[in-house]
Amino acid sequence: MGFLELLLIAVGLSADAFAVSVCTGLTLEKFKLNKALITGLYFGIFQAVMPLTGYLVGRSFADMIVTYDHWIAFLLLAVIGGKMMKESYENPECCSDVCQIPTSSEGGEGNVQYIAQEASLGPARMIPLAVATSIDALAVGVTFSFLSVKIVPAISFIGTTTLLLSMVGVKVGHTFGSRYKARAEQIGGAILILIGLKILLEHLGIISF
């Protein structure tokens, strides 16, 4: 797996963490770098640990399914990507922590009123969110074992990418609201599906890069 593919997978996997970080940013009265960093660390660490776990699990039975490994990699990435895209359309403008209520202004145009207390960054809230947004990375780690990816550089890159994009997500949420939340999930899902398709087509000899 080349650098570009790994970069795209890292960005794709980061989409859920980015979306949740946007929701966190929505609740902040004032953007603070330390809060963005804490958010990024939670998501980045779990996004690195989960694919490592999946990789170790996958290695235990990779030899038994070597004939079908590229099909499995494709199906896992396609299912993950499809799930992300589906969820982005189901509730594109509402976060679990933030309710958005359209209201009418005097000029007749709708405003969005956010009603939520500032989101907690404590373990009780952040660990469940970090686990939930990194479950997909567990499955990707299994595909890494089939593709003989060098796991330490890969998970380091994915974790760092997630950390940085999560910090950006907090800033985006604070500045712009949730308008980019669904779009990020849609793009991330599409990237994972396309990477899975590329892996399969290369294995079948239809394309070659």
C-alpha atoms as a PDB file:
ATOM      1  CA  MET A   1       0.000   0.000   0.000  1.00  0.00           C
ATOM      2  CA  GLY A   2       1.427   3.345  -1.095  1.00  0.00           C
ATOM      3  CA  PHE A   3       1.553   6.633   0.756  1.00  0.00           C
ATOM      4  CA  LEU A   4      -1.352   8.158  -1.183  1.00  0.00           C
ATOM      5  CA  GLU A   5      -3.631   5.207  -0.407  1.00  0.00           C
ATOM      6  CA  LEU A   6      -2.686   5.339   3.268  1.00  0.00           C
ATOM      7  CA  LEU A   7      -3.314   9.087   3.332  1.00  0.00           C
ATOM      8  CA  LEU A   8      -6.758   8.654   1.792  1.00  0.00           C
ATOM      9  CA  ILE A   9      -7.646   5.878   4.243  1.00  0.00           C
ATOM     10  CA  ALA A  10      -6.448   8.027   7.149  1.00  0.00           C
ATOM     11  CA  VAL A  11      -8.614  10.929   5.968  1.00  0.00           C
ATOM     12  CA  GLY A  12     -11.572   8.625   5.398  1.00  0.00           C
ATOM     13  CA  LEU A  13     -11.306   7.081   8.848  1.00  0.00           C
ATOM     14  CA  SER A  14     -10.959  10.545  10.388  1.00  0.00           C
ATOM     15  CA  ALA A  15     -14.285  11.707   8.974  1.00  0.00           C
ATOM     16  CA  ASP A  16     -16.390  10.468  11.899  1.00  0.00           C
ATOM     17  CA  ALA A  17     -13.991  11.970  14.444  1.00  0.00           C
ATOM     18  CA  PHE A  18     -14.039  15.232  12.486  1.00  0.00           C
ATOM     19  CA  ALA A  19     -17.846  15.275  12.534  1.00  0.00           C
ATOM     20  CA  VAL A  20     -18.020  14.686  16.291  1.00  0.00           C
ATOM     21  CA  SER A  21     -15.338  17.336  16.825  1.00  0.00           C
ATOM     22  CA  VAL A  22     -17.476  19.785  14.863  1.00  0.00           C
ATOM     23  CA  CYS A  23     -20.280  19.068  17.332  1.00  0.00           C
ATOM     24  CA  THR A  24     -17.919  19.752  20.230  1.00  0.00           C
ATOM     25  CA  GLY A  25     -16.879  23.050  18.663  1.00  0.00           C
ATOM     26  CA  LEU A  26     -20.525  24.063  18.351  1.00  0.00           C
ATOM     27  CA  THR A  27     -20.874  24.200  22.130  1.00  0.00           C
ATOM     28  CA  LEU A  28     -17.795  26.332  22.827  1.00  0.00           C
ATOM     29  CA  GLU A  29     -18.399  29.973  23.613  1.00  0.00           C
ATOM     30  CA  LYS A  30     -14.742  30.637  22.868  1.00  0.00           C
ATOM     31  CA  PHE A  31     -12.331  28.483  20.890  1.00  0.00           C
ATOM     32  CA  LYS A  32      -9.433  27.247  23.012  1.00  0.00           C
ATOM     33  CA  LEU A  33      -6.462  25.379  21.566  1.00  0.00           C
ATOM     34  CA  ASN A  34      -6.090  23.129  24.612  1.00  0.00           C
ATOM     35  CA  LYS A  35      -9.674  21.888  24.248  1.00  0.00           C
ATOM     36  CA  ALA A  36      -9.106  21.172  20.565  1.00  0.00           C
ATOM     37  CA  LEU A  37      -5.911  19.299  21.464  1.00  0.00           C
ATOM     38  CA  ILE A  38      -7.638  17.200  24.131  1.00  0.00           C
ATOM     39  CA  THR A  39     -10.364  16.295  21.647  1.00  0.00           C
ATOM     40  CA  GLY A  40      -7.768  15.403  19.025  1.00  0.00           C
ATOM     41  CA  LEU A  41      -5.768  13.251  21.437  1.00  0.00           C
ATOM     42  CA  TYR A  42      -8.769  11.168  22.432  1.00  0.00           C
ATOM     43  CA  PHE A  43      -9.744  10.468  18.841  1.00  0.00           C
ATOM     44  CA  GLY A  44      -6.183  10.134  17.540  1.00  0.00           C
ATOM     45  CA  ILE A  45      -5.105   7.603  20.171  1.00  0.00           C
ATOM     46  CA  PHE A  46      -8.142   5.381  19.692  1.00  0.00           C
ATOM     47  CA  GLN A  47      -7.877   5.692  15.913  1.00  0.00           C
ATOM     48  CA  ALA A  48      -4.353   4.272  16.185  1.00  0.00           C
ATOM     49  CA  VAL A  49      -5.098   1.537  18.745  1.00  0.00           C
ATOM     50  CA  MET A  50      -8.138   0.107  16.948  1.00  0.00           C
ATOM     51  CA  PRO A  51      -6.434  -0.745  13.616  1.00  0.00           C
ATOM     52  CA  LEU A  52      -3.526  -2.265  15.548  1.00  0.00           C
ATOM     53  CA  THR A  53      -6.017  -4.516  17.333  1.00  0.00           C
ATOM     54  CA  GLY A  54      -7.680  -5.430  14.050  1.00  0.00           C
ATOM     55  CA  TYR A  55      -4.302  -6.125  12.463  1.00  0.00           C
ATOM     56  CA  LEU A  56      -3.303  -8.505  15.249  1.00  0.00           C
ATOM     57  CA  VAL A  57      -6.633 -10.319  14.984  1.00  0.00           C
ATOM     58  CA  GLY A  58      -6.389 -10.528  11.213  1.00  0.00           C
ATOM     59  CA  ARG A  59      -2.869 -11.934  11.313  1.00  0.00           C
ATOM     60  CA  SER A  60      -4.106 -14.905  13.293  1.00  0.00           C
ATOM     61  CA  PHE A  61      -6.234 -16.207  10.406  1.00  0.00           C
ATOM     62  CA  ALA A  62      -4.833 -14.400   7.340  1.00  0.00           C
ATOM     63  CA  ASP A  63      -3.122 -17.552   6.029  1.00  0.00           C
ATOM     64  CA  MET A  64      -6.407 -19.458   6.038  1.00  0.00           C
ATOM     65  CA  ILE A  65      -8.208 -16.991   3.745  1.00  0.00           C
ATOM     66  CA  VAL A  66      -5.375 -15.763   1.536  1.00  0.00           C
ATOM     67  CA  THR A  67      -7.369 -16.677  -1.596  1.00  0.00           C
ATOM     68  CA  TYR A  68     -10.218 -14.351  -0.628  1.00  0.00           C
ATOM     69  CA  ASP A  69      -8.368 -11.652   1.305  1.00  0.00           C
ATOM     70  CA  HIS A  70      -8.803  -8.907  -1.307  1.00  0.00           C
ATOM     71  CA  TRP A  71     -12.538  -9.611  -1.546  1.00  0.00           C
ATOM     72  CA  ILE A  72     -12.811  -9.329   2.229  1.00  0.00           C
ATOM     73  CA  ALA A  73     -10.795  -6.092   2.219  1.00  0.00           C
ATOM     74  CA  PHE A  74     -13.090  -4.679  -0.463  1.00  0.00           C
ATOM     75  CA  LEU A  75     -16.272  -5.711   1.358  1.00  0.00           C
ATOM     76  CA  LEU A  76     -15.097  -4.321   4.701  1.00  0.00           C
ATOM     77  CA  LEU A  77     -14.123  -0.952   3.223  1.00  0.00           C
ATOM     78  CA  ALA A  78     -17.312  -0.790   1.132  1.00  0.00           C
ATOM     79  CA  VAL A  79     -19.546  -1.561   4.120  1.00  0.00           C
ATOM     80  CA  ILE A  80     -17.734   0.956   6.327  1.00  0.00           C
ATOM     81  CA  GLY A  81     -17.893   3.645   3.635  1.00  0.00           C
ATOM     82  CA  GLY A  82     -21.537   2.953   2.872  1.00  0.00           C
ATOM     83  CA  LYS A  83     -22.435   3.104   6.557  1.00  0.00           C
ATOM     84  CA  MET A  84     -20.713   6.478   6.943  1.00  0.00           C
ATOM     85  CA  MET A  85     -22.514   7.914   3.918  1.00  0.00           C
ATOM     86  CA  LYS A  86     -25.889   6.546   5.045  1.00  0.00           C
ATOM     87  CA  GLU A  87     -25.512   8.066   8.515  1.00  0.00           C
ATOM     88  CA  SER A  88     -24.568  11.442   7.040  1.00  0.00           C
ATOM     89  CA  TYR A  89     -27.927  11.622   5.237  1.00  0.00           C
ATOM     90  CA  GLU A  90     -30.020  10.388   8.154  1.00  0.00           C
ATOM     91  CA  ASN A  91     -29.364  13.367  10.441  1.00  0.00           C
ATOM     92  CA  PRO A  92     -27.047  15.776   8.649  1.00  0.00           C
ATOM     93  CA  GLU A  93     -27.715  18.881  10.720  1.00  0.00           C
ATOM     94  CA  CYS A  94     -28.020  17.621  14.281  1.00  0.00           C
ATOM     95  CA  CYS A  95     -25.352  16.494  16.718  1.00  0.00           C
ATOM     96  CA  SER A  96     -25.896  14.216  19.679  1.00  0.00           C
ATOM     97  CA  ASP A  97     -24.709  16.982  22.017  1.00  0.00           C
ATOM     98  CA  VAL A  98     -26.335  19.939  20.277  1.00  0.00           C
ATOM     99  CA  CYS A  99     -29.959  20.519  19.312  1.00  0.00           C
ATOM    100  CA  GLN A 100     -30.548  22.869  16.402  1.00  0.00           C
ATOM    101  CA  ILE A 101     -33.910  24.610  16.263  1.00  0.00           C
ATOM    102  CA  PRO A 102     -34.757  26.615  13.113  1.00  0.00           C
ATOM    103  CA  THR A 103     -36.279  29.946  14.027  1.00  0.00           C
ATOM    104  CA  SER A 104     -37.625  32.712  11.871  1.00  0.00           C
ATOM    105  CA  SER A 105     -35.951  36.070  11.929  1.00  0.00           C
ATOM    106  CA  GLU A 106     -37.661  39.359  11.304  1.00  0.00           C
ATOM    107  CA  GLY A 107     -36.454  39.285   7.724  1.00  0.00           C
ATOM    108  CA  GLY A 108     -38.159  35.958   7.152  1.00  0.00           C
ATOM    109  CA  GLU A 109     -34.974  33.934   6.839  1.00  0.00           C
ATOM    110  CA  GLY A 110     -34.380  30.971   9.102  1.00  0.00           C
ATOM    111  CA  ASN A 111     -31.775  31.198  11.792  1.00  0.00           C
ATOM    112  CA  VAL A 112     -30.305  28.283  13.694  1.00  0.00           C
ATOM    113  CA  GLN A 113     -30.328  28.482  17.441  1.00  0.00           C
ATOM    114  CA  TYR A 114     -27.951  26.193  19.328  1.00  0.00           C
ATOM    115  CA  ILE A 115     -29.079  25.071  22.764  1.00  0.00           C
ATOM    116  CA  ALA A 116     -26.512  23.065  24.678  1.00  0.00           C
ATOM    117  CA  GLN A 117     -24.141  23.435  27.524  1.00  0.00           C
ATOM    118  CA  GLU A 118     -20.462  23.410  26.668  1.00  0.00           C
ATOM    119  CA  ALA A 119     -19.566  19.811  25.860  1.00  0.00           C
ATOM    120  CA  SER A 120     -17.565  17.990  28.504  1.00  0.00           C
ATOM    121  CA  LEU A 121     -14.120  16.735  27.522  1.00  0.00           C
ATOM    122  CA  GLY A 122     -13.942  14.310  30.445  1.00  0.00           C
ATOM    123  CA  PRO A 123     -13.376  10.560  29.996  1.00  0.00           C
ATOM    124  CA  ALA A 124     -17.034   9.709  30.676  1.00  0.00           C
ATOM    125  CA  ARG A 125     -18.045  11.487  27.468  1.00  0.00           C
ATOM    126  CA  MET A 126     -14.933  11.296  25.324  1.00  0.00           C
ATOM    127  CA  ILE A 127     -13.982   7.620  25.677  1.00  0.00           C
ATOM    128  CA  PRO A 128     -17.349   6.303  24.419  1.00  0.00           C
ATOM    129  CA  LEU A 129     -17.206   8.791  21.535  1.00  0.00           C
ATOM    130  CA  ALA A 130     -13.620   7.827  20.714  1.00  0.00           C
ATOM    131  CA  VAL A 131     -14.528   4.134  20.722  1.00  0.00           C
ATOM    132  CA  ALA A 132     -17.624   4.718  18.596  1.00  0.00           C
ATOM    133  CA  THR A 133     -15.744   6.736  15.974  1.00  0.00           C
ATOM    134  CA  SER A 134     -12.857   4.248  15.774  1.00  0.00           C
ATOM    135  CA  ILE A 135     -14.771   0.965  15.461  1.00  0.00           C
ATOM    136  CA  ASP A 136     -14.466   1.248  11.678  1.00  0.00           C
ATOM    137  CA  ALA A 137     -10.691   1.453  12.062  1.00  0.00           C
ATOM    138  CA  LEU A 138     -10.772  -1.958  13.737  1.00  0.00           C
ATOM    139  CA  ALA A 139     -12.072  -3.498  10.520  1.00  0.00           C
ATOM    140  CA  VAL A 140      -9.561  -1.551   8.445  1.00  0.00           C
ATOM    141  CA  GLY A 141      -6.804  -2.974  10.634  1.00  0.00           C
ATOM    142  CA  VAL A 142      -7.976  -6.456   9.621  1.00  0.00           C
ATOM    143  CA  THR A 143      -7.595  -5.479   5.950  1.00  0.00           C
ATOM    144  CA  PHE A 144      -4.087  -4.215   6.704  1.00  0.00           C
ATOM    145  CA  SER A 145      -3.141  -7.696   7.878  1.00  0.00           C
ATOM    146  CA  PHE A 146      -4.324  -9.162   4.556  1.00  0.00           C
ATOM    147  CA  LEU A 147      -2.381  -6.562   2.563  1.00  0.00           C
ATOM    148  CA  SER A 148       0.854  -6.930   4.594  1.00  0.00           C
ATOM    149  CA  VAL A 149       0.887  -3.256   5.515  1.00  0.00           C
ATOM    150  CA  LYS A 150       3.685  -2.080   7.836  1.00  0.00           C
ATOM    151  CA  ILE A 151       1.431  -1.518  10.787  1.00  0.00           C
ATOM    152  CA  VAL A 152       3.455   0.771  13.077  1.00  0.00           C
ATOM    153  CA  PRO A 153       4.014   3.545  10.485  1.00  0.00           C
ATOM    154  CA  ALA A 154       0.411   3.100   9.284  1.00  0.00           C
ATOM    155  CA  ILE A 155      -1.262   3.486  12.682  1.00  0.00           C
ATOM    156  CA  SER A 156       1.069   6.344  13.607  1.00  0.00           C
ATOM    157  CA  PHE A 157       0.057   8.172  10.449  1.00  0.00           C
ATOM    158  CA  ILE A 158      -3.660   7.455  10.934  1.00  0.00           C
ATOM    159  CA  GLY A 159      -3.557   8.558  14.578  1.00  0.00           C
ATOM    160  CA  THR A 160      -1.713  11.778  13.756  1.00  0.00           C
ATOM    161  CA  THR A 161      -4.048  12.571  10.861  1.00  0.00           C
ATOM    162  CA  THR A 162      -7.087  12.025  13.072  1.00  0.00           C
ATOM    163  CA  LEU A 163      -5.623  14.184  15.833  1.00  0.00           C
ATOM    164  CA  LEU A 164      -5.020  17.091  13.448  1.00  0.00           C
ATOM    165  CA  LEU A 165      -8.366  16.821  11.643  1.00  0.00           C
ATOM    166  CA  SER A 166     -10.218  16.572  14.954  1.00  0.00           C
ATOM    167  CA  MET A 167      -8.599  19.791  16.101  1.00  0.00           C
ATOM    168  CA  VAL A 168      -9.618  21.397  12.825  1.00  0.00           C
ATOM    169  CA  GLY A 169     -13.137  20.029  13.353  1.00  0.00           C
ATOM    170  CA  VAL A 170     -13.449  21.767  16.724  1.00  0.00           C
ATOM    171  CA  LYS A 171     -12.440  25.051  15.091  1.00  0.00           C
ATOM    172  CA  VAL A 172     -14.792  24.529  12.143  1.00  0.00           C
ATOM    173  CA  GLY A 173     -17.707  23.735  14.456  1.00  0.00           C
ATOM    174  CA  HIS A 174     -17.038  26.806  16.575  1.00  0.00           C
ATOM    175  CA  THR A 175     -16.706  29.078  13.549  1.00  0.00           C
ATOM    176  CA  PHE A 176     -19.168  27.754  10.986  1.00  0.00           C
ATOM    177  CA  GLY A 177     -21.589  25.455  12.831  1.00  0.00           C
ATOM    178  CA  SER A 178     -22.510  22.007  11.536  1.00  0.00           C
ATOM    179  CA  ARG A 179     -22.699  22.789   7.818  1.00  0.00           C
ATOM    180  CA  TYR A 180     -19.558  20.731   7.023  1.00  0.00           C
ATOM    181  CA  LYS A 181     -20.321  17.792   9.321  1.00  0.00           C
ATOM    182  CA  ALA A 182     -22.383  15.699   6.893  1.00  0.00           C
ATOM    183  CA  ARG A 183     -20.188  16.599   3.922  1.00  0.00           C
ATOM    184  CA  ALA A 184     -17.106  15.304   5.714  1.00  0.00           C
ATOM    185  CA  GLU A 185     -18.794  11.969   6.444  1.00  0.00           C
ATOM    186  CA  GLN A 186     -19.946  11.663   2.821  1.00  0.00           C
ATOM    187  CA  ILE A 187     -16.464  12.331   1.459  1.00  0.00           C
ATOM    188  CA  GLY A 188     -14.847  10.007   3.985  1.00  0.00           C
ATOM    189  CA  GLY A 189     -17.252   7.201   3.120  1.00  0.00           C
ATOM    190  CA  ALA A 190     -16.719   7.637  -0.622  1.00  0.00           C
ATOM    191  CA  ILE A 191     -12.934   7.528  -0.168  1.00  0.00           C
ATOM    192  CA  LEU A 192     -13.071   4.215   1.703  1.00  0.00           C
ATOM    193  CA  ILE A 193     -15.355   2.655  -0.912  1.00  0.00           C
ATOM    194  CA  LEU A 194     -13.053   3.755  -3.756  1.00  0.00           C
ATOM    195  CA  ILE A 195      -9.946   2.448  -1.977  1.00  0.00           C
ATOM    196  CA  GLY A 196     -11.661  -0.912  -1.461  1.00  0.00           C
ATOM    197  CA  LEU A 197     -12.651  -1.025  -5.134  1.00  0.00           C
ATOM    198  CA  LYS A 198      -9.098  -0.215  -6.213  1.00  0.00           C
ATOM    199  CA  ILE A 199      -7.700  -3.042  -4.052  1.00  0.00           C
ATOM    200  CA  LEU A 200     -10.160  -5.509  -5.581  1.00  0.00           C
ATOM    201  CA  LEU A 201      -9.588  -4.427  -9.191  1.00  0.00           C
ATOM    202  CA  GLU A 202      -5.833  -4.635  -8.751  1.00  0.00           C
ATOM    203  CA  HIS A 203      -6.174  -8.157  -7.347  1.00  0.00           C
ATOM    204  CA  LEU A 204      -8.317  -9.195 -10.329  1.00  0.00           C
ATOM    205  CA  GLY A 205      -5.761  -7.699 -12.727  1.00  0.00           C
ATOM    206  CA  ILE A 206      -8.235  -5.218 -14.197  1.00  0.00           C
ATOM    207  CA  ILE A 207      -6.168  -2.172 -13.264  1.00  0.00           C
ATOM    208  CA  SER A 208      -2.536  -1.713 -12.316  1.00  0.00           C
ATOM    209  CA  PHE A 209      -0.824   1.265 -10.632  1.00  0.00           C
END
